[in-house]
Amino acid sequence: IARIDAWDDAQTAEGGRDAPSYQGALSIPPGWRVGGFPS
């Protein structure tokens, strides 16, 4: 989790508000889905 937080901070510093984040862009898709992990 510490490594993920550091990566998120680096992405924000480089790309600003539109930068990808682990939670929003990589871990769990939005909307309707079967299985996987809860948000």
Full PDB file with SEQRES, HELIX, SHEET, SSBOND, CRYST1, ORIGX, SCALE, CONECT and MASTER records, all heavy atoms in Angstrom:
SEQRES   1 A   39  ILE ALA ARG ILE ASP ALA TRP ASP ASP ALA GLN THR ALA          
SEQRES   2 A   39  GLU GLY GLY ARG ASP ALA PRO SER TYR GLN GLY ALA LEU          
SEQRES   3 A   39  SER ILE PRO PRO GLY TRP ARG VAL GLY GLY PHE PRO SER          
HELIX    1 AA1 ALA A    2  GLY A   15  1                                  14    
HELIX    2 AA2 GLY A   16  ASP A   18  5                                   3    
HELIX    3 AA3 TYR A   22  SER A   27  3                                   6    
CRYST1    1.000    1.000    1.000  90.00  90.00  90.00 P 1           1          
ORIGX1      1.000000  0.000000  0.000000        0.00000                         
ORIGX2      0.000000  1.000000  0.000000        0.00000                         
ORIGX3      0.000000  0.000000  1.000000        0.00000                         
SCALE1      1.000000  0.000000  0.000000        0.00000                         
SCALE2      0.000000  1.000000  0.000000        0.00000                         
SCALE3      0.000000  0.000000  1.000000        0.00000                         
ATOM      1  N   ILE A   1       0.835  -1.202   0.000  1.00  0.00           N  
ATOM      2  CA  ILE A   1       0.000   0.000   0.000  1.00  0.00           C  
ATOM      3  C   ILE A   1       0.871   1.254   0.000  1.00  0.00           C  
ATOM      4  O   ILE A   1       0.567   2.240  -0.682  1.00  0.00           O  
ATOM      5  CB  ILE A   1      -0.958  -0.009   1.211  1.00  0.00           C  
ATOM      6  CG1 ILE A   1      -2.007  -1.115   1.040  1.00  0.00           C  
ATOM      7  CG2 ILE A   1      -1.637   1.342   1.371  1.00  0.00           C  
ATOM      8  CD1 ILE A   1      -2.996  -1.212   2.182  1.00  0.00           C  
ATOM      9  N   ALA A   2       1.985   1.212   0.736  1.00  0.00           N  
ATOM     10  CA  ALA A   2       2.895   2.369   0.753  1.00  0.00           C  
ATOM     11  C   ALA A   2       3.477   2.609  -0.642  1.00  0.00           C  
ATOM     12  O   ALA A   2       3.616   3.763  -1.076  1.00  0.00           O  
ATOM     13  CB  ALA A   2       4.007   2.138   1.769  1.00  0.00           C  
ATOM     14  N   ARG A   3       3.825   1.549  -1.357  1.00  0.00           N  
ATOM     15  CA  ARG A   3       4.346   1.699  -2.717  1.00  0.00           C  
ATOM     16  C   ARG A   3       3.271   2.263  -3.655  1.00  0.00           C  
ATOM     17  O   ARG A   3       3.561   3.096  -4.512  1.00  0.00           O  
ATOM     18  CB  ARG A   3       4.851   0.348  -3.232  1.00  0.00           C  
ATOM     19  CG  ARG A   3       6.113  -0.154  -2.553  1.00  0.00           C  
ATOM     20  CD  ARG A   3       6.497  -1.531  -3.075  1.00  0.00           C  
ATOM     21  NE  ARG A   3       6.724  -1.512  -4.521  1.00  0.00           N  
ATOM     22  CZ  ARG A   3       6.876  -2.618  -5.248  1.00  0.00           C  
ATOM     23  NH1 ARG A   3       6.790  -3.812  -4.668  1.00  0.00           N  
ATOM     24  NH2 ARG A   3       7.096  -2.521  -6.557  1.00  0.00           N  
ATOM     25  N   ILE A   4       2.032   1.808  -3.479  1.00  0.00           N  
ATOM     26  CA  ILE A   4       0.936   2.326  -4.306  1.00  0.00           C  
ATOM     27  C   ILE A   4       0.716   3.812  -4.037  1.00  0.00           C  
ATOM     28  O   ILE A   4       0.546   4.613  -4.965  1.00  0.00           O  
ATOM     29  CB  ILE A   4      -0.352   1.527  -4.034  1.00  0.00           C  
ATOM     30  CG1 ILE A   4      -0.214   0.098  -4.587  1.00  0.00           C  
ATOM     31  CG2 ILE A   4      -1.566   2.219  -4.654  1.00  0.00           C  
ATOM     32  CD1 ILE A   4      -1.347  -0.822  -4.196  1.00  0.00           C  
ATOM     33  N   ASP A   5       0.733   4.201  -2.752  1.00  0.00           N  
ATOM     34  CA  ASP A   5       0.548   5.615  -2.404  1.00  0.00           C  
ATOM     35  C   ASP A   5       1.658   6.472  -3.007  1.00  0.00           C  
ATOM     36  O   ASP A   5       1.398   7.580  -3.517  1.00  0.00           O  
ATOM     37  CB  ASP A   5       0.531   5.784  -0.882  1.00  0.00           C  
ATOM     38  CG  ASP A   5      -0.732   5.222  -0.248  1.00  0.00           C  
ATOM     39  OD1 ASP A   5      -1.725   5.007  -0.982  1.00  0.00           O  
ATOM     40  OD2 ASP A   5      -0.728   4.984   0.974  1.00  0.00           O  
ATOM     41  N   ALA A   6       2.887   5.971  -2.969  1.00  0.00           N  
ATOM     42  CA  ALA A   6       4.007   6.725  -3.539  1.00  0.00           C  
ATOM     43  C   ALA A   6       3.850   6.867  -5.050  1.00  0.00           C  
ATOM     44  O   ALA A   6       4.138   7.931  -5.626  1.00  0.00           O  
ATOM     45  CB  ALA A   6       5.326   6.039  -3.198  1.00  0.00           C  
ATOM     46  N   TRP A   7       3.389   5.805  -5.697  1.00  0.00           N  
ATOM     47  CA  TRP A   7       3.165   5.862  -7.153  1.00  0.00           C  
ATOM     48  C   TRP A   7       2.057   6.858  -7.481  1.00  0.00           C  
ATOM     49  O   TRP A   7       2.190   7.640  -8.423  1.00  0.00           O  
ATOM     50  CB  TRP A   7       2.804   4.470  -7.661  1.00  0.00           C  
ATOM     51  CG  TRP A   7       2.609   4.398  -9.148  1.00  0.00           C  
ATOM     52  CD1 TRP A   7       3.573   4.209 -10.096  1.00  0.00           C  
ATOM     53  CD2 TRP A   7       1.357   4.513  -9.847  1.00  0.00           C  
ATOM     54  NE1 TRP A   7       3.010   4.205 -11.352  1.00  0.00           N  
ATOM     55  CE2 TRP A   7       1.654   4.388 -11.233  1.00  0.00           C  
ATOM     56  CE3 TRP A   7       0.038   4.700  -9.455  1.00  0.00           C  
ATOM     57  CZ2 TRP A   7       0.664   4.448 -12.218  1.00  0.00           C  
ATOM     58  CZ3 TRP A   7      -0.953   4.774 -10.432  1.00  0.00           C  
ATOM     59  CH2 TRP A   7      -0.636   4.640 -11.798  1.00  0.00           C  
ATOM     60  N   ASP A   8       0.972   6.841  -6.700  1.00  0.00           N  
ATOM     61  CA  ASP A   8      -0.117   7.793  -6.909  1.00  0.00           C  
ATOM     62  C   ASP A   8       0.386   9.232  -6.783  1.00  0.00           C  
ATOM     63  O   ASP A   8       0.047  10.105  -7.595  1.00  0.00           O  
ATOM     64  CB  ASP A   8      -1.240   7.559  -5.900  1.00  0.00           C  
ATOM     65  CG  ASP A   8      -2.143   6.393  -6.270  1.00  0.00           C  
ATOM     66  OD1 ASP A   8      -2.095   5.953  -7.434  1.00  0.00           O  
ATOM     67  OD2 ASP A   8      -2.895   5.928  -5.391  1.00  0.00           O  
ATOM     68  N   ASP A   9       1.192   9.494  -5.750  1.00  0.00           N  
ATOM     69  CA  ASP A   9       1.721  10.849  -5.542  1.00  0.00           C  
ATOM     70  C   ASP A   9       2.585  11.280  -6.723  1.00  0.00           C  
ATOM     71  O   ASP A   9       2.516  12.432  -7.172  1.00  0.00           O  
ATOM     72  CB  ASP A   9       2.532  10.906  -4.247  1.00  0.00           C  
ATOM     73  CG  ASP A   9       1.665  10.756  -3.001  1.00  0.00           C  
ATOM     74  OD1 ASP A   9       0.437  10.951  -3.112  1.00  0.00           O  
ATOM     75  OD2 ASP A   9       2.218  10.428  -1.933  1.00  0.00           O  
ATOM     76  N   ALA A  10       3.397  10.355  -7.235  1.00  0.00           N  
ATOM     77  CA  ALA A  10       4.262  10.688  -8.373  1.00  0.00           C  
ATOM     78  C   ALA A  10       3.433  10.980  -9.621  1.00  0.00           C  
ATOM     79  O   ALA A  10       3.756  11.900 -10.391  1.00  0.00           O  
ATOM     80  CB  ALA A  10       5.240   9.542  -8.633  1.00  0.00           C  
ATOM     81  N   GLN A  11       2.358  10.211  -9.831  1.00  0.00           N  
ATOM     82  CA  GLN A  11       1.498  10.447 -10.987  1.00  0.00           C  
ATOM     83  C   GLN A  11       0.816  11.804 -10.896  1.00  0.00           C  
ATOM     84  O   GLN A  11       0.725  12.539 -11.887  1.00  0.00           O  
ATOM     85  CB  GLN A  11       0.433   9.346 -11.082  1.00  0.00           C  
ATOM     86  CG  GLN A  11       0.979   7.959 -11.346  1.00  0.00           C  
ATOM     87  CD  GLN A  11       1.719   7.877 -12.662  1.00  0.00           C  
ATOM     88  OE1 GLN A  11       1.209   8.252 -13.706  1.00  0.00           O  
ATOM     89  NE2 GLN A  11       2.936   7.361 -12.610  1.00  0.00           N  
ATOM     90  N   THR A  12       0.351  12.165  -9.706  1.00  0.00           N  
ATOM     91  CA  THR A  12      -0.319  13.452  -9.521  1.00  0.00           C  
ATOM     92  C   THR A  12       0.650  14.604  -9.723  1.00  0.00           C  
ATOM     93  O   THR A  12       0.308  15.629 -10.327  1.00  0.00           O  
ATOM     94  CB  THR A  12      -0.953  13.532  -8.121  1.00  0.00           C  
ATOM     95  OG1 THR A  12      -1.896  12.459  -7.968  1.00  0.00           O  
ATOM     96  CG2 THR A  12      -1.667  14.850  -7.913  1.00  0.00           C  
ATOM     97  N   ALA A  13       1.874  14.460  -9.214  1.00  0.00           N  
ATOM     98  CA  ALA A  13       2.872  15.511  -9.369  1.00  0.00           C  
ATOM     99  C   ALA A  13       3.208  15.732 -10.837  1.00  0.00           C  
ATOM    100  O   ALA A  13       3.474  16.869 -11.264  1.00  0.00           O  
ATOM    101  CB  ALA A  13       4.132  15.140  -8.593  1.00  0.00           C  
ATOM    102  N   GLU A  14       3.171  14.666 -11.617  1.00  0.00           N  
ATOM    103  CA  GLU A  14       3.528  14.781 -13.033  1.00  0.00           C  
ATOM    104  C   GLU A  14       2.355  15.192 -13.903  1.00  0.00           C  
ATOM    105  O   GLU A  14       2.496  16.017 -14.811  1.00  0.00           O  
ATOM    106  CB  GLU A  14       4.078  13.440 -13.529  1.00  0.00           C  
ATOM    107  CG  GLU A  14       4.480  13.452 -15.000  1.00  0.00           C  
ATOM    108  CD  GLU A  14       5.053  12.131 -15.440  1.00  0.00           C  
ATOM    109  OE1 GLU A  14       5.436  11.312 -14.567  1.00  0.00           O  
ATOM    110  OE2 GLU A  14       5.120  11.887 -16.668  1.00  0.00           O  
ATOM    111  N   GLY A  15       1.146  14.618 -13.630  1.00  0.00           N  
ATOM    112  CA  GLY A  15       0.021  14.833 -14.532  1.00  0.00           C  
ATOM    113  C   GLY A  15      -1.099  15.676 -13.991  1.00  0.00           C  
ATOM    114  O   GLY A  15      -2.079  15.938 -14.721  1.00  0.00           O  
ATOM    115  N   GLY A  16      -1.037  16.081 -12.729  1.00  0.00           N  
ATOM    116  CA  GLY A  16      -2.097  16.905 -12.162  1.00  0.00           C  
ATOM    117  C   GLY A  16      -3.380  16.125 -11.915  1.00  0.00           C  
ATOM    118  O   GLY A  16      -3.370  14.909 -11.710  1.00  0.00           O  
ATOM    119  N   ARG A  17      -4.519  16.807 -11.972  1.00  0.00           N  
ATOM    120  CA  ARG A  17      -5.805  16.210 -11.605  1.00  0.00           C  
ATOM    121  C   ARG A  17      -6.208  15.057 -12.521  1.00  0.00           C  
ATOM    122  O   ARG A  17      -6.943  14.159 -12.121  1.00  0.00           O  
ATOM    123  CB  ARG A  17      -6.890  17.279 -11.623  1.00  0.00           C  
ATOM    124  CG  ARG A  17      -6.722  18.356 -10.565  1.00  0.00           C  
ATOM    125  CD  ARG A  17      -7.829  19.379 -10.674  1.00  0.00           C  
ATOM    126  NE  ARG A  17      -9.143  18.764 -10.518  1.00  0.00           N  
ATOM    127  CZ  ARG A  17     -10.294  19.418 -10.692  1.00  0.00           C  
ATOM    128  NH1 ARG A  17     -10.258  20.701 -11.045  1.00  0.00           N  
ATOM    129  NH2 ARG A  17     -11.444  18.811 -10.515  1.00  0.00           N  
ATOM    130  N   ASP A  18      -5.790  15.081 -13.769  1.00  0.00           N  
ATOM    131  CA  ASP A  18      -6.181  14.039 -14.709  1.00  0.00           C  
ATOM    132  C   ASP A  18      -5.243  12.844 -14.699  1.00  0.00           C  
ATOM    133  O   ASP A  18      -5.394  11.925 -15.513  1.00  0.00           O  
ATOM    134  CB  ASP A  18      -6.254  14.607 -16.135  1.00  0.00           C  
ATOM    135  CG  ASP A  18      -7.450  15.523 -16.327  1.00  0.00           C  
ATOM    136  OD1 ASP A  18      -8.481  15.273 -15.675  1.00  0.00           O  
ATOM    137  OD2 ASP A  18      -7.353  16.475 -17.109  1.00  0.00           O  
ATOM    138  N   ALA A  19      -4.286  12.819 -13.799  1.00  0.00           N  
ATOM    139  CA  ALA A  19      -3.350  11.700 -13.738  1.00  0.00           C  
ATOM    140  C   ALA A  19      -4.071  10.435 -13.268  1.00  0.00           C  
ATOM    141  O   ALA A  19      -4.993  10.496 -12.459  1.00  0.00           O  
ATOM    142  CB  ALA A  19      -2.204  12.025 -12.782  1.00  0.00           C  
ATOM    143  N   PRO A  20      -3.670   9.252 -13.768  1.00  0.00           N  
ATOM    144  CA  PRO A  20      -4.291   8.007 -13.312  1.00  0.00           C  
ATOM    145  C   PRO A  20      -3.929   7.700 -11.865  1.00  0.00           C  
ATOM    146  O   PRO A  20      -2.870   8.098 -11.378  1.00  0.00           O  
ATOM    147  CB  PRO A  20      -3.703   6.957 -14.261  1.00  0.00           C  
ATOM    148  CG  PRO A  20      -2.393   7.529 -14.697  1.00  0.00           C  
ATOM    149  CD  PRO A  20      -2.615   9.019 -14.764  1.00  0.00           C  
ATOM    150  N   SER A  21      -4.823   7.017 -11.169  1.00  0.00           N  
ATOM    151  CA  SER A  21      -4.562   6.567  -9.804  1.00  0.00           C  
ATOM    152  C   SER A  21      -4.837   5.074  -9.722  1.00  0.00           C  
ATOM    153  O   SER A  21      -5.571   4.525 -10.548  1.00  0.00           O  
ATOM    154  CB  SER A  21      -5.459   7.306  -8.800  1.00  0.00           C  
ATOM    155  OG  SER A  21      -6.818   6.951  -9.002  1.00  0.00           O  
ATOM    156  N   TYR A  22      -4.243   4.434  -8.728  1.00  0.00           N  
ATOM    157  CA  TYR A  22      -4.455   2.991  -8.571  1.00  0.00           C  
ATOM    158  C   TYR A  22      -5.930   2.680  -8.349  1.00  0.00           C  
ATOM    159  O   TYR A  22      -6.504   1.825  -9.032  1.00  0.00           O  
ATOM    160  CB  TYR A  22      -3.623   2.470  -7.396  1.00  0.00           C  
ATOM    161  CG  TYR A  22      -3.935   1.028  -7.038  1.00  0.00           C  
ATOM    162  CD1 TYR A  22      -3.357  -0.019  -7.752  1.00  0.00           C  
ATOM    163  CD2 TYR A  22      -4.818   0.723  -6.000  1.00  0.00           C  
ATOM    164  CE1 TYR A  22      -3.651  -1.339  -7.445  1.00  0.00           C  
ATOM    165  CE2 TYR A  22      -5.115  -0.593  -5.685  1.00  0.00           C  
ATOM    166  CZ  TYR A  22      -4.535  -1.617  -6.413  1.00  0.00           C  
ATOM    167  OH  TYR A  22      -4.849  -2.923  -6.096  1.00  0.00           O  
ATOM    168  N   GLN A  23      -6.571   3.371  -7.412  1.00  0.00           N  
ATOM    169  CA  GLN A  23      -7.964   3.055  -7.089  1.00  0.00           C  
ATOM    170  C   GLN A  23      -8.887   3.316  -8.271  1.00  0.00           C  
ATOM    171  O   GLN A  23      -9.768   2.514  -8.579  1.00  0.00           O  
ATOM    172  CB  GLN A  23      -8.447   3.885  -5.888  1.00  0.00           C  
ATOM    173  CG  GLN A  23      -7.582   3.803  -4.635  1.00  0.00           C  
ATOM    174  CD  GLN A  23      -7.765   2.515  -3.847  1.00  0.00           C  
ATOM    175  OE1 GLN A  23      -7.831   1.451  -4.423  1.00  0.00           O  
ATOM    176  NE2 GLN A  23      -7.807   2.631  -2.536  1.00  0.00           N  
ATOM    177  N   GLY A  24      -8.717   4.452  -8.943  1.00  0.00           N  
ATOM    178  CA  GLY A  24      -9.649   4.829  -9.983  1.00  0.00           C  
ATOM    179  C   GLY A  24      -9.375   4.209 -11.331  1.00  0.00           C  
ATOM    180  O   GLY A  24     -10.307   3.893 -12.072  1.00  0.00           O  
ATOM    181  N   ALA A  25      -8.101   4.022 -11.674  1.00  0.00           N  
ATOM    182  CA  ALA A  25      -7.765   3.633 -13.041  1.00  0.00           C  
ATOM    183  C   ALA A  25      -7.261   2.199 -13.182  1.00  0.00           C  
ATOM    184  O   ALA A  25      -7.222   1.685 -14.301  1.00  0.00           O  
ATOM    185  CB  ALA A  25      -6.701   4.587 -13.600  1.00  0.00           C  
ATOM    186  N   LEU A  26      -6.868   1.564 -12.090  1.00  0.00           N  
ATOM    187  CA  LEU A  26      -6.196   0.266 -12.226  1.00  0.00           C  
ATOM    188  C   LEU A  26      -6.832  -0.873 -11.442  1.00  0.00           C  
ATOM    189  O   LEU A  26      -6.747  -2.022 -11.862  1.00  0.00           O  
ATOM    190  CB  LEU A  26      -4.722   0.393 -11.784  1.00  0.00           C  
ATOM    191  CG  LEU A  26      -3.864   1.372 -12.590  1.00  0.00           C  
ATOM    192  CD1 LEU A  26      -2.476   1.477 -11.972  1.00  0.00           C  
ATOM    193  CD2 LEU A  26      -3.766   0.930 -14.037  1.00  0.00           C  
ATOM    194  N   SER A  27      -7.451  -0.593 -10.281  1.00  0.00           N  
ATOM    195  CA  SER A  27      -7.836  -1.711  -9.417  1.00  0.00           C  
ATOM    196  C   SER A  27      -9.225  -2.253  -9.705  1.00  0.00           C  
ATOM    197  O   SER A  27      -9.402  -3.434 -10.005  1.00  0.00           O  
ATOM    198  CB  SER A  27      -7.726  -1.320  -7.940  1.00  0.00           C  
ATOM    199  OG  SER A  27      -8.685  -0.341  -7.596  1.00  0.00           O  
ATOM    200  N   ILE A  28     -10.260  -1.400  -9.630  1.00  0.00           N  
ATOM    201  CA  ILE A  28     -11.644  -1.874  -9.702  1.00  0.00           C  
ATOM    202  C   ILE A  28     -12.428  -0.995 -10.668  1.00  0.00           C  
ATOM    203  O   ILE A  28     -12.526   0.213 -10.468  1.00  0.00           O  
ATOM    204  CB  ILE A  28     -12.301  -1.844  -8.310  1.00  0.00           C  
ATOM    205  CG1 ILE A  28     -11.499  -2.705  -7.325  1.00  0.00           C  
ATOM    206  CG2 ILE A  28     -13.745  -2.323  -8.385  1.00  0.00           C  
ATOM    207  CD1 ILE A  28     -11.950  -2.584  -5.889  1.00  0.00           C  
ATOM    208  N   PRO A  29     -13.019  -1.580 -11.700  1.00  0.00           N  
ATOM    209  CA  PRO A  29     -13.795  -0.770 -12.649  1.00  0.00           C  
ATOM    210  C   PRO A  29     -15.097  -0.281 -12.027  1.00  0.00           C  
ATOM    211  O   PRO A  29     -15.632  -0.912 -11.116  1.00  0.00           O  
ATOM    212  CB  PRO A  29     -14.060  -1.728 -13.814  1.00  0.00           C  
ATOM    213  CG  PRO A  29     -13.979  -3.093 -13.204  1.00  0.00           C  
ATOM    214  CD  PRO A  29     -12.972  -2.994 -12.096  1.00  0.00           C  
ATOM    215  N   PRO A  30     -15.631   0.821 -12.513  1.00  0.00           N  
ATOM    216  CA  PRO A  30     -16.917   1.303 -12.017  1.00  0.00           C  
ATOM    217  C   PRO A  30     -18.067   0.538 -12.659  1.00  0.00           C  
ATOM    218  O   PRO A  30     -17.886  -0.267 -13.565  1.00  0.00           O  
ATOM    219  CB  PRO A  30     -16.918   2.767 -12.470  1.00  0.00           C  
ATOM    220  CG  PRO A  30     -16.134   2.730 -13.746  1.00  0.00           C  
ATOM    221  CD  PRO A  30     -15.049   1.695 -13.532  1.00  0.00           C  
ATOM    222  N   GLY A  31     -19.278   0.800 -12.179  1.00  0.00           N  
ATOM    223  CA  GLY A  31     -20.467   0.242 -12.819  1.00  0.00           C  
ATOM    224  C   GLY A  31     -20.811  -1.162 -12.367  1.00  0.00           C  
ATOM    225  O   GLY A  31     -20.449  -1.598 -11.272  1.00  0.00           O  
ATOM    226  N   TRP A  32     -21.528  -1.885 -13.210  1.00  0.00           N  
ATOM    227  CA  TRP A  32     -22.024  -3.222 -12.904  1.00  0.00           C  
ATOM    228  C   TRP A  32     -20.972  -4.260 -13.253  1.00  0.00           C  
ATOM    229  O   TRP A  32     -20.390  -4.227 -14.338  1.00  0.00           O  
ATOM    230  CB  TRP A  32     -23.302  -3.493 -13.691  1.00  0.00           C  
ATOM    231  CG  TRP A  32     -24.456  -2.627 -13.285  1.00  0.00           C  
ATOM    232  CD1 TRP A  32     -24.548  -1.275 -13.399  1.00  0.00           C  
ATOM    233  CD2 TRP A  32     -25.680  -3.070 -12.698  1.00  0.00           C  
ATOM    234  NE1 TRP A  32     -25.761  -0.837 -12.913  1.00  0.00           N  
ATOM    235  CE2 TRP A  32     -26.484  -1.913 -12.489  1.00  0.00           C  
ATOM    236  CE3 TRP A  32     -26.184  -4.326 -12.351  1.00  0.00           C  
ATOM    237  CZ2 TRP A  32     -27.749  -1.984 -11.931  1.00  0.00           C  
ATOM    238  CZ3 TRP A  32     -27.451  -4.390 -11.801  1.00  0.00           C  
ATOM    239  CH2 TRP A  32     -28.223  -3.236 -11.585  1.00  0.00           C  
ATOM    240  N   ARG A  33     -20.750  -5.196 -12.349  1.00  0.00           N  
ATOM    241  CA  ARG A  33     -19.753  -6.227 -12.593  1.00  0.00           C  
ATOM    242  C   ARG A  33     -20.068  -7.452 -11.740  1.00  0.00           C  
ATOM    243  O   ARG A  33     -20.699  -7.355 -10.686  1.00  0.00           O  
ATOM    244  CB  ARG A  33     -18.343  -5.710 -12.299  1.00  0.00           C  
ATOM    245  CG  ARG A  33     -18.180  -5.143 -10.898  1.00  0.00           C  
ATOM    246  CD  ARG A  33     -16.898  -4.333 -10.757  1.00  0.00           C  
ATOM    247  NE  ARG A  33     -16.724  -3.809  -9.408  1.00  0.00           N  
ATOM    248  CZ  ARG A  33     -17.224  -2.660  -8.982  1.00  0.00           C  
ATOM    249  NH1 ARG A  33     -17.936  -1.923  -9.795  1.00  0.00           N  
ATOM    250  NH2 ARG A  33     -17.016  -2.253  -7.740  1.00  0.00           N  
ATOM    251  N   VAL A  34     -19.616  -8.600 -12.204  1.00  0.00           N  
ATOM    252  CA  VAL A  34     -19.800  -9.860 -11.487  1.00  0.00           C  
ATOM    253  C   VAL A  34     -18.443 -10.301 -10.954  1.00  0.00           C  
ATOM    254  O   VAL A  34     -17.449 -10.319 -11.697  1.00  0.00           O  
ATOM    255  CB  VAL A  34     -20.383 -10.940 -12.405  1.00  0.00           C  
ATOM    256  CG1 VAL A  34     -20.525 -12.269 -11.658  1.00  0.00           C  
ATOM    257  CG2 VAL A  34     -21.736 -10.494 -12.955  1.00  0.00           C  
ATOM    258  N   GLY A  35     -18.386 -10.671  -9.672  1.00  0.00           N  
ATOM    259  CA  GLY A  35     -17.143 -11.128  -9.077  1.00  0.00           C  
ATOM    260  C   GLY A  35     -16.172  -9.996  -8.820  1.00  0.00           C  
ATOM    261  O   GLY A  35     -16.538  -8.827  -8.707  1.00  0.00           O  
ATOM    262  N   GLY A  36     -14.896 -10.338  -8.723  1.00  0.00           N  
ATOM    263  CA  GLY A  36     -13.860  -9.344  -8.476  1.00  0.00           C  
ATOM    264  C   GLY A  36     -13.822  -8.898  -7.030  1.00  0.00           C  
ATOM    265  O   GLY A  36     -14.120  -9.670  -6.106  1.00  0.00           O  
ATOM    266  N   PHE A  37     -13.489  -7.632  -6.833  1.00  0.00           N  
ATOM    267  CA  PHE A  37     -13.315  -7.082  -5.492  1.00  0.00           C  
ATOM    268  C   PHE A  37     -14.272  -5.915  -5.266  1.00  0.00           C  
ATOM    269  O   PHE A  37     -14.601  -5.184  -6.204  1.00  0.00           O  
ATOM    270  CB  PHE A  37     -11.870  -6.587  -5.306  1.00  0.00           C  
ATOM    271  CG  PHE A  37     -10.838  -7.650  -5.508  1.00  0.00           C  
ATOM    272  CD1 PHE A  37     -10.193  -7.786  -6.729  1.00  0.00           C  
ATOM    273  CD2 PHE A  37     -10.512  -8.527  -4.485  1.00  0.00           C  
ATOM    274  CE1 PHE A  37      -9.240  -8.769  -6.924  1.00  0.00           C  
ATOM    275  CE2 PHE A  37      -9.562  -9.510  -4.661  1.00  0.00           C  
ATOM    276  CZ  PHE A  37      -8.931  -9.640  -5.895  1.00  0.00           C  
ATOM    277  N   PRO A  38     -14.710  -5.721  -4.022  1.00  0.00           N  
ATOM    278  CA  PRO A  38     -15.593  -4.577  -3.734  1.00  0.00           C  
ATOM    279  C   PRO A  38     -14.824  -3.266  -3.676  1.00  0.00           C  
ATOM    280  O   PRO A  38     -13.642  -3.242  -3.321  1.00  0.00           O  
ATOM    281  CB  PRO A  38     -16.184  -4.932  -2.358  1.00  0.00           C  
ATOM    282  CG  PRO A  38     -15.145  -5.804  -1.725  1.00  0.00           C  
ATOM    283  CD  PRO A  38     -14.502  -6.577  -2.841  1.00  0.00           C  
ATOM    284  N   SER A  39     -15.486  -2.189  -4.038  1.00  0.00           N  
ATOM    285  CA  SER A  39     -14.939  -0.847  -3.870  1.00  0.00           C  
ATOM    286  C   SER A  39     -15.430  -0.288  -2.534  1.00  0.00           C  
ATOM    287  O   SER A  39     -16.629  -0.333  -2.252  1.00  0.00           O  
ATOM    288  CB  SER A  39     -15.403   0.052  -5.021  1.00  0.00           C  
ATOM    289  OG  SER A  39     -15.105   1.402  -4.736  1.00  0.00           O  
TER     290      SER A  39                                                      
MASTER        0    0    0    3    0    0    0    6  289    1    0    3          
END                                                                             
